[in-house]
Amino acid sequence: MAAEYEDLPQDVKVEVQAFVDANVAWLNQVLSEKGTGSSEDYKKQALAIYTAVAGAQLIARIHKNTELFDELMVTYQQTGLIPII
């Protein structure tokens, strides 16, 4: 829904933002529990991971290929863009 965000009704925008915030907060918590970095680093990394996953979903959707999403997730992990937790 983020791709169509500007066209959404305000109440839906609020829910989309809450969904993003909840997922980024959860990722932040998981990263914090597993690492020794700073709180600010975990917040940035959590948002980057969420963004990478959202981008992979969008690309897989454009190509109508759900397997592409899985391939991108593996590639992200292999290249270190997303940690294996």
PDB file of N, CA and C in Angstrom:
ATOM      1  N   MET A   1       0.804  -1.196   0.000  1.00  0.00           N
ATOM      2  CA  MET A   1       0.000   0.000   0.000  1.00  0.00           C
ATOM      3  C   MET A   1       0.849   1.263   0.000  1.00  0.00           C
ATOM      4  N   ALA A   2       2.080   1.128   0.357  1.00  0.00           N
ATOM      5  CA  ALA A   2       2.934   2.311   0.414  1.00  0.00           C
ATOM      6  C   ALA A   2       3.084   2.971  -0.947  1.00  0.00           C
ATOM      7  N   ALA A   3       3.066   2.166  -2.008  1.00  0.00           N
ATOM      8  CA  ALA A   3       3.212   2.730  -3.345  1.00  0.00           C
ATOM      9  C   ALA A   3       2.040   3.631  -3.711  1.00  0.00           C
ATOM     10  N   GLU A   4       0.881   3.366  -3.152  1.00  0.00           N
ATOM     11  CA  GLU A   4      -0.313   4.170  -3.420  1.00  0.00           C
ATOM     12  C   GLU A   4      -0.644   5.083  -2.241  1.00  0.00           C
ATOM     13  N   TYR A   5       0.293   5.292  -1.355  1.00  0.00           N
ATOM     14  CA  TYR A   5       0.052   5.977  -0.086  1.00  0.00           C
ATOM     15  C   TYR A   5      -0.663   7.321  -0.247  1.00  0.00           C
ATOM     16  N   GLU A   6      -0.209   8.136  -1.168  1.00  0.00           N
ATOM     17  CA  GLU A   6      -0.782   9.485  -1.327  1.00  0.00           C
ATOM     18  C   GLU A   6      -2.251   9.447  -1.740  1.00  0.00           C
ATOM     19  N   ASP A   7      -2.681   8.367  -2.365  1.00  0.00           N
ATOM     20  CA  ASP A   7      -4.060   8.266  -2.826  1.00  0.00           C
ATOM     21  C   ASP A   7      -4.995   7.614  -1.808  1.00  0.00           C
ATOM     22  N   LEU A   8      -4.466   7.203  -0.687  1.00  0.00           N
ATOM     23  CA  LEU A   8      -5.271   6.510   0.318  1.00  0.00           C
ATOM     24  C   LEU A   8      -6.062   7.501   1.175  1.00  0.00           C
ATOM     25  N   PRO A   9      -7.210   7.069   1.697  1.00  0.00           N
ATOM     26  CA  PRO A   9      -7.933   7.898   2.660  1.00  0.00           C
ATOM     27  C   PRO A   9      -7.084   8.089   3.925  1.00  0.00           C
ATOM     28  N   GLN A  10      -7.292   9.183   4.617  1.00  0.00           N
ATOM     29  CA  GLN A  10      -6.471   9.522   5.793  1.00  0.00           C
ATOM     30  C   GLN A  10      -6.487   8.423   6.849  1.00  0.00           C
ATOM     31  N   ASP A  11      -7.643   7.823   7.117  1.00  0.00           N
ATOM     32  CA  ASP A  11      -7.692   6.784   8.142  1.00  0.00           C
ATOM     33  C   ASP A  11      -6.881   5.548   7.743  1.00  0.00           C
ATOM     34  N   VAL A  12      -6.813   5.264   6.457  1.00  0.00           N
ATOM     35  CA  VAL A  12      -5.996   4.142   5.988  1.00  0.00           C
ATOM     36  C   VAL A  12      -4.514   4.515   6.073  1.00  0.00           C
ATOM     37  N   LYS A  13      -4.180   5.755   5.755  1.00  0.00           N
ATOM     38  CA  LYS A  13      -2.788   6.219   5.884  1.00  0.00           C
ATOM     39  C   LYS A  13      -2.288   6.032   7.306  1.00  0.00           C
ATOM     40  N   VAL A  14      -3.131   6.361   8.265  1.00  0.00           N
ATOM     41  CA  VAL A  14      -2.761   6.215   9.683  1.00  0.00           C
ATOM     42  C   VAL A  14      -2.469   4.751   9.998  1.00  0.00           C
ATOM     43  N   GLU A  15      -3.290   3.852   9.495  1.00  0.00           N
ATOM     44  CA  GLU A  15      -3.092   2.426   9.751  1.00  0.00           C
ATOM     45  C   GLU A  15      -1.848   1.886   9.051  1.00  0.00           C
ATOM     46  N   VAL A  16      -1.599   2.337   7.835  1.00  0.00           N
ATOM     47  CA  VAL A  16      -0.393   1.914   7.115  1.00  0.00           C
ATOM     48  C   VAL A  16       0.848   2.365   7.885  1.00  0.00           C
ATOM     49  N   GLN A  17       0.848   3.613   8.344  1.00  0.00           N
ATOM     50  CA  GLN A  17       1.991   4.117   9.108  1.00  0.00           C
ATOM     51  C   GLN A  17       2.168   3.351  10.417  1.00  0.00           C
ATOM     52  N   ALA A  18       1.059   3.022  11.075  1.00  0.00           N
ATOM     53  CA  ALA A  18       1.131   2.249  12.318  1.00  0.00           C
ATOM     54  C   ALA A  18       1.710   0.859  12.056  1.00  0.00           C
ATOM     55  N   PHE A  19       1.343   0.255  10.929  1.00  0.00           N
ATOM     56  CA  PHE A  19       1.868  -1.057  10.556  1.00  0.00           C
ATOM     57  C   PHE A  19       3.374  -0.990  10.342  1.00  0.00           C
ATOM     58  N   VAL A  20       3.815   0.009   9.601  1.00  0.00           N
ATOM     59  CA  VAL A  20       5.251   0.193   9.358  1.00  0.00           C
ATOM     60  C   VAL A  20       5.977   0.407  10.681  1.00  0.00           C
ATOM     61  N   ASP A  21       5.465   1.304  11.501  1.00  0.00           N
ATOM     62  CA  ASP A  21       6.105   1.612  12.783  1.00  0.00           C
ATOM     63  C   ASP A  21       6.201   0.381  13.679  1.00  0.00           C
ATOM     64  N   ALA A  22       5.141  -0.422  13.719  1.00  0.00           N
ATOM     65  CA  ALA A  22       5.139  -1.627  14.562  1.00  0.00           C
ATOM     66  C   ALA A  22       6.182  -2.629  14.080  1.00  0.00           C
ATOM     67  N   ASN A  23       6.288  -2.804  12.776  1.00  0.00           N
ATOM     68  CA  ASN A  23       7.256  -3.754  12.236  1.00  0.00           C
ATOM     69  C   ASN A  23       8.688  -3.276  12.424  1.00  0.00           C
ATOM     70  N   VAL A  24       8.933  -2.003  12.223  1.00  0.00           N
ATOM     71  CA  VAL A  24      10.273  -1.453  12.434  1.00  0.00           C
ATOM     72  C   VAL A  24      10.649  -1.543  13.912  1.00  0.00           C
ATOM     73  N   ALA A  25       9.696  -1.273  14.794  1.00  0.00           N
ATOM     74  CA  ALA A  25       9.965  -1.384  16.234  1.00  0.00           C
ATOM     75  C   ALA A  25      10.301  -2.822  16.616  1.00  0.00           C
ATOM     76  N   TRP A  26       9.579  -3.780  16.055  1.00  0.00           N
ATOM     77  CA  TRP A  26       9.859  -5.183  16.340  1.00  0.00           C
ATOM     78  C   TRP A  26      11.251  -5.563  15.847  1.00  0.00           C
ATOM     79  N   LEU A  27      11.586  -5.173  14.616  1.00  0.00           N
ATOM     80  CA  LEU A  27      12.925  -5.451  14.094  1.00  0.00           C
ATOM     81  C   LEU A  27      13.996  -4.812  14.972  1.00  0.00           C
ATOM     82  N   ASN A  28      13.750  -3.596  15.401  1.00  0.00           N
ATOM     83  CA  ASN A  28      14.683  -2.893  16.282  1.00  0.00           C
ATOM     84  C   ASN A  28      14.908  -3.694  17.568  1.00  0.00           C
ATOM     85  N   GLN A  29      13.829  -4.203  18.131  1.00  0.00           N
ATOM     86  CA  GLN A  29      13.927  -4.986  19.369  1.00  0.00           C
ATOM     87  C   GLN A  29      14.736  -6.260  19.145  1.00  0.00           C
ATOM     88  N   VAL A  30      14.462  -6.964  18.051  1.00  0.00           N
ATOM     89  CA  VAL A  30      15.183  -8.209  17.757  1.00  0.00           C
ATOM     90  C   VAL A  30      16.670  -7.923  17.554  1.00  0.00           C
ATOM     91  N   LEU A  31      16.977  -6.885  16.799  1.00  0.00           N
ATOM     92  CA  LEU A  31      18.383  -6.526  16.575  1.00  0.00           C
ATOM     93  C   LEU A  31      19.067  -6.141  17.879  1.00  0.00           C
ATOM     94  N   SER A  32      18.365  -5.417  18.727  1.00  0.00           N
ATOM     95  CA  SER A  32      18.927  -4.994  20.017  1.00  0.00           C
ATOM     96  C   SER A  32      19.255  -6.186  20.904  1.00  0.00           C
ATOM     97  N   GLU A  33      18.383  -7.184  20.868  1.00  0.00           N
ATOM     98  CA  GLU A  33      18.587  -8.373  21.702  1.00  0.00           C
ATOM     99  C   GLU A  33      19.756  -9.221  21.212  1.00  0.00           C
ATOM    100  N   LYS A  34      20.058  -9.146  19.923  1.00  0.00           N
ATOM    101  CA  LYS A  34      21.090  -9.999  19.335  1.00  0.00           C
ATOM    102  C   LYS A  34      22.459  -9.337  19.221  1.00  0.00           C
ATOM    103  N   GLY A  35      22.531  -8.018  19.377  1.00  0.00           N
ATOM    104  CA  GLY A  35      23.788  -7.343  19.095  1.00  0.00           C
ATOM    105  C   GLY A  35      24.334  -6.516  20.235  1.00  0.00           C
ATOM    106  N   THR A  36      25.406  -5.807  19.929  1.00  0.00           N
ATOM    107  CA  THR A  36      26.074  -4.972  20.927  1.00  0.00           C
ATOM    108  C   THR A  36      26.240  -3.540  20.429  1.00  0.00           C
ATOM    109  N   GLY A  37      25.495  -3.158  19.395  1.00  0.00           N
ATOM    110  CA  GLY A  37      25.610  -1.815  18.832  1.00  0.00           C
ATOM    111  C   GLY A  37      24.805  -0.789  19.612  1.00  0.00           C
ATOM    112  N   SER A  38      24.699   0.376  19.025  1.00  0.00           N
ATOM    113  CA  SER A  38      23.964   1.460  19.675  1.00  0.00           C
ATOM    114  C   SER A  38      22.491   1.423  19.301  1.00  0.00           C
ATOM    115  N   SER A  39      21.680   2.026  20.116  1.00  0.00           N
ATOM    116  CA  SER A  39      20.245   2.107  19.878  1.00  0.00           C
ATOM    117  C   SER A  39      19.940   2.777  18.544  1.00  0.00           C
ATOM    118  N   GLU A  40      20.660   3.830  18.229  1.00  0.00           N
ATOM    119  CA  GLU A  40      20.452   4.554  16.973  1.00  0.00           C
ATOM    120  C   GLU A  40      20.812   3.675  15.773  1.00  0.00           C
ATOM    121  N   ASP A  41      21.881   2.896  15.894  1.00  0.00           N
ATOM    122  CA  ASP A  41      22.271   1.983  14.820  1.00  0.00           C
ATOM    123  C   ASP A  41      21.179   0.949  14.558  1.00  0.00           C
ATOM    124  N   TYR A  42      20.592   0.417  15.621  1.00  0.00           N
ATOM    125  CA  TYR A  42      19.545  -0.588  15.463  1.00  0.00           C
ATOM    126  C   TYR A  42      18.304   0.014  14.816  1.00  0.00           C
ATOM    127  N   LYS A  43      17.958   1.232  15.169  1.00  0.00           N
ATOM    128  CA  LYS A  43      16.804   1.892  14.552  1.00  0.00           C
ATOM    129  C   LYS A  43      17.015   2.055  13.049  1.00  0.00           C
ATOM    130  N   LYS A  44      18.198   2.486  12.659  1.00  0.00           N
ATOM    131  CA  LYS A  44      18.507   2.661  11.238  1.00  0.00           C
ATOM    132  C   LYS A  44      18.510   1.326  10.513  1.00  0.00           C
ATOM    133  N   GLN A  45      19.117   0.317  11.126  1.00  0.00           N
ATOM    134  CA  GLN A  45      19.183  -0.998  10.497  1.00  0.00           C
ATOM    135  C   GLN A  45      17.781  -1.602  10.376  1.00  0.00           C
ATOM    136  N   ALA A  46      16.949  -1.429  11.387  1.00  0.00           N
ATOM    137  CA  ALA A  46      15.582  -1.953  11.347  1.00  0.00           C
ATOM    138  C   ALA A  46      14.804  -1.329  10.194  1.00  0.00           C
ATOM    139  N   LEU A  47      14.926  -0.021  10.021  1.00  0.00           N
ATOM    140  CA  LEU A  47      14.227   0.649   8.932  1.00  0.00           C
ATOM    141  C   LEU A  47      14.782   0.199   7.575  1.00  0.00           C
ATOM    142  N   ALA A  48      16.081   0.010   7.491  1.00  0.00           N
ATOM    143  CA  ALA A  48      16.691  -0.458   6.244  1.00  0.00           C
ATOM    144  C   ALA A  48      16.207  -1.863   5.891  1.00  0.00           C
ATOM    145  N   ILE A  49      16.108  -2.726   6.870  1.00  0.00           N
ATOM    146  CA  ILE A  49      15.621  -4.088   6.624  1.00  0.00           C
ATOM    147  C   ILE A  49      14.168  -4.041   6.166  1.00  0.00           C
ATOM    148  N   TYR A  50      13.348  -3.277   6.863  1.00  0.00           N
ATOM    149  CA  TYR A  50      11.942  -3.168   6.476  1.00  0.00           C
ATOM    150  C   TYR A  50      11.818  -2.644   5.046  1.00  0.00           C
ATOM    151  N   THR A  51      12.610  -1.643   4.734  1.00  0.00           N
ATOM    152  CA  THR A  51      12.587  -1.053   3.401  1.00  0.00           C
ATOM    153  C   THR A  51      13.016  -2.068   2.342  1.00  0.00           C
ATOM    154  N   ALA A  52      14.033  -2.856   2.631  1.00  0.00           N
ATOM    155  CA  ALA A  52      14.492  -3.873   1.686  1.00  0.00           C
ATOM    156  C   ALA A  52      13.407  -4.914   1.434  1.00  0.00           C
ATOM    157  N   VAL A  53      12.749  -5.347   2.489  1.00  0.00           N
ATOM    158  CA  VAL A  53      11.678  -6.336   2.343  1.00  0.00           C
ATOM    159  C   VAL A  53      10.513  -5.741   1.550  1.00  0.00           C
ATOM    160  N   ALA A  54      10.138  -4.519   1.860  1.00  0.00           N
ATOM    161  CA  ALA A  54       9.040  -3.866   1.127  1.00  0.00           C
ATOM    162  C   ALA A  54       9.398  -3.711  -0.351  1.00  0.00           C
ATOM    163  N   GLY A  55      10.636  -3.355  -0.629  1.00  0.00           N
ATOM    164  CA  GLY A  55      11.074  -3.228  -2.014  1.00  0.00           C
ATOM    165  C   GLY A  55      11.050  -4.555  -2.740  1.00  0.00           C
ATOM    166  N   ALA A  56      11.482  -5.609  -2.069  1.00  0.00           N
ATOM    167  CA  ALA A  56      11.460  -6.943  -2.674  1.00  0.00           C
ATOM    168  C   ALA A  56      10.020  -7.378  -2.961  1.00  0.00           C
ATOM    169  N   GLN A  57       9.114  -7.047  -2.062  1.00  0.00           N
ATOM    170  CA  GLN A  57       7.702  -7.373  -2.292  1.00  0.00           C
ATOM    171  C   GLN A  57       7.179  -6.643  -3.525  1.00  0.00           C
ATOM    172  N   LEU A  58       7.528  -5.391  -3.643  1.00  0.00           N
ATOM    173  CA  LEU A  58       7.069  -4.587  -4.770  1.00  0.00           C
ATOM    174  C   LEU A  58       7.619  -5.137  -6.090  1.00  0.00           C
ATOM    175  N   ILE A  59       8.895  -5.448  -6.135  1.00  0.00           N
ATOM    176  CA  ILE A  59       9.512  -5.978  -7.351  1.00  0.00           C
ATOM    177  C   ILE A  59       8.909  -7.336  -7.718  1.00  0.00           C
ATOM    178  N   ALA A  60       8.717  -8.203  -6.730  1.00  0.00           N
ATOM    179  CA  ALA A  60       8.103  -9.509  -6.996  1.00  0.00           C
ATOM    180  C   ALA A  60       6.675  -9.330  -7.515  1.00  0.00           C
ATOM    181  N   ARG A  61       5.972  -8.383  -6.980  1.00  0.00           N
ATOM    182  CA  ARG A  61       4.602  -8.114  -7.428  1.00  0.00           C
ATOM    183  C   ARG A  61       4.594  -7.612  -8.868  1.00  0.00           C
ATOM    184  N   ILE A  62       5.489  -6.701  -9.191  1.00  0.00           N
ATOM    185  CA  ILE A  62       5.576  -6.171 -10.549  1.00  0.00           C
ATOM    186  C   ILE A  62       5.835  -7.299 -11.553  1.00  0.00           C
ATOM    187  N   HIS A  63       6.704  -8.240 -11.162  1.00  0.00           N
ATOM    188  CA  HIS A  63       7.060  -9.353 -12.041  1.00  0.00           C
ATOM    189  C   HIS A  63       6.089 -10.538 -11.920  1.00  0.00           C
ATOM    190  N   LYS A  64       5.108 -10.403 -11.021  1.00  0.00           N
ATOM    191  CA  LYS A  64       4.144 -11.489 -10.773  1.00  0.00           C
ATOM    192  C   LYS A  64       4.872 -12.801 -10.516  1.00  0.00           C
ATOM    193  N   ASN A  65       5.873 -12.728  -9.609  1.00  0.00           N
ATOM    194  CA  ASN A  65       6.744 -13.867  -9.353  1.00  0.00           C
ATOM    195  C   ASN A  65       7.087 -13.900  -7.863  1.00  0.00           C
ATOM    196  N   THR A  66       6.343 -14.701  -7.113  1.00  0.00           N
ATOM    197  CA  THR A  66       6.602 -14.771  -5.675  1.00  0.00           C
ATOM    198  C   THR A  66       7.944 -15.413  -5.354  1.00  0.00           C
ATOM    199  N   GLU A  67       8.430 -16.261  -6.247  1.00  0.00           N
ATOM    200  CA  GLU A  67       9.738 -16.879  -6.026  1.00  0.00           C
ATOM    201  C   GLU A  67      10.853 -15.836  -6.068  1.00  0.00           C
ATOM    202  N   LEU A  68      10.648 -14.780  -6.823  1.00  0.00           N
ATOM    203  CA  LEU A  68      11.627 -13.704  -6.884  1.00  0.00           C
ATOM    204  C   LEU A  68      11.826 -13.068  -5.511  1.00  0.00           C
ATOM    205  N   PHE A  69      10.752 -12.927  -4.759  1.00  0.00           N
ATOM    206  CA  PHE A  69      10.861 -12.385  -3.401  1.00  0.00           C
ATOM    207  C   PHE A  69      11.804 -13.248  -2.565  1.00  0.00           C
ATOM    208  N   ASP A  70      11.596 -14.555  -2.596  1.00  0.00           N
ATOM    209  CA  ASP A  70      12.452 -15.464  -1.834  1.00  0.00           C
ATOM    210  C   ASP A  70      13.909 -15.364  -2.272  1.00  0.00           C
ATOM    211  N   GLU A  71      14.122 -15.277  -3.580  1.00  0.00           N
ATOM    212  CA  GLU A  71      15.484 -15.144  -4.099  1.00  0.00           C
ATOM    213  C   GLU A  71      16.137 -13.858  -3.607  1.00  0.00           C
ATOM    214  N   LEU A  72      15.380 -12.782  -3.590  1.00  0.00           N
ATOM    215  CA  LEU A  72      15.930 -11.512  -3.111  1.00  0.00           C
ATOM    216  C   LEU A  72      16.270 -11.576  -1.628  1.00  0.00           C
ATOM    217  N   MET A  73      15.427 -12.225  -0.839  1.00  0.00           N
ATOM    218  CA  MET A  73      15.712 -12.351   0.594  1.00  0.00           C
ATOM    219  C   MET A  73      17.012 -13.125   0.826  1.00  0.00           C
ATOM    220  N   VAL A  74      17.207 -14.201   0.090  1.00  0.00           N
ATOM    221  CA  VAL A  74      18.450 -14.982   0.202  1.00  0.00           C
ATOM    222  C   VAL A  74      19.644 -14.128  -0.202  1.00  0.00           C
ATOM    223  N   THR A  75      19.494 -13.397  -1.294  1.00  0.00           N
ATOM    224  CA  THR A  75      20.584 -12.534  -1.754  1.00  0.00           C
ATOM    225  C   THR A  75      20.904 -11.470  -0.721  1.00  0.00           C
ATOM    226  N   TYR A  76      19.878 -10.876  -0.131  1.00  0.00           N
ATOM    227  CA  TYR A  76      20.107  -9.875   0.923  1.00  0.00           C
ATOM    228  C   TYR A  76      20.913 -10.476   2.066  1.00  0.00           C
ATOM    229  N   GLN A  77      20.565 -11.693   2.469  1.00  0.00           N
ATOM    230  CA  GLN A  77      21.287 -12.332   3.567  1.00  0.00           C
ATOM    231  C   GLN A  77      22.715 -12.687   3.151  1.00  0.00           C
ATOM    232  N   GLN A  78      22.892 -13.200   1.954  1.00  0.00           N
ATOM    233  CA  GLN A  78      24.228 -13.588   1.490  1.00  0.00           C
ATOM    234  C   GLN A  78      25.168 -12.387   1.384  1.00  0.00           C
ATOM    235  N   THR A  79      24.628 -11.244   1.039  1.00  0.00           N
ATOM    236  CA  THR A  79      25.456 -10.051   0.890  1.00  0.00           C
ATOM    237  C   THR A  79      25.575  -9.252   2.186  1.00  0.00           C
ATOM    238  N   GLY A  80      24.875  -9.689   3.219  1.00  0.00           N
ATOM    239  CA  GLY A  80      24.962  -9.004   4.507  1.00  0.00           C
ATOM    240  C   GLY A  80      24.012  -7.828   4.649  1.00  0.00           C
ATOM    241  N   LEU A  81      23.149  -7.611   3.666  1.00  0.00           N
ATOM    242  CA  LEU A  81      22.208  -6.495   3.769  1.00  0.00           C
ATOM    243  C   LEU A  81      21.154  -6.752   4.841  1.00  0.00           C
ATOM    244  N   ILE A  82      20.807  -8.022   5.006  1.00  0.00           N
ATOM    245  CA  ILE A  82      19.889  -8.416   6.076  1.00  0.00           C
ATOM    246  C   ILE A  82      20.591  -9.493   6.886  1.00  0.00           C
ATOM    247  N   PRO A  83      20.713  -9.301   8.201  1.00  0.00           N
ATOM    248  CA  PRO A  83      21.400 -10.291   9.009  1.00  0.00           C
ATOM    249  C   PRO A  83      20.574 -11.570   9.145  1.00  0.00           C
ATOM    250  N   ILE A  84      21.264 -12.669   9.313  1.00  0.00           N
ATOM    251  CA  ILE A  84      20.593 -13.939   9.613  1.00  0.00           C
ATOM    252  C   ILE A  84      20.473 -13.990  11.125  1.00  0.00           C
ATOM    253  N   ILE A  85      19.239 -13.906  11.587  1.00  0.00           N
ATOM    254  CA  ILE A  85      19.010 -13.843  13.045  1.00  0.00           C
ATOM    255  C   ILE A  85      18.551 -15.186  13.554  1.00  0.00           C
TER     256      ILE A  85
END
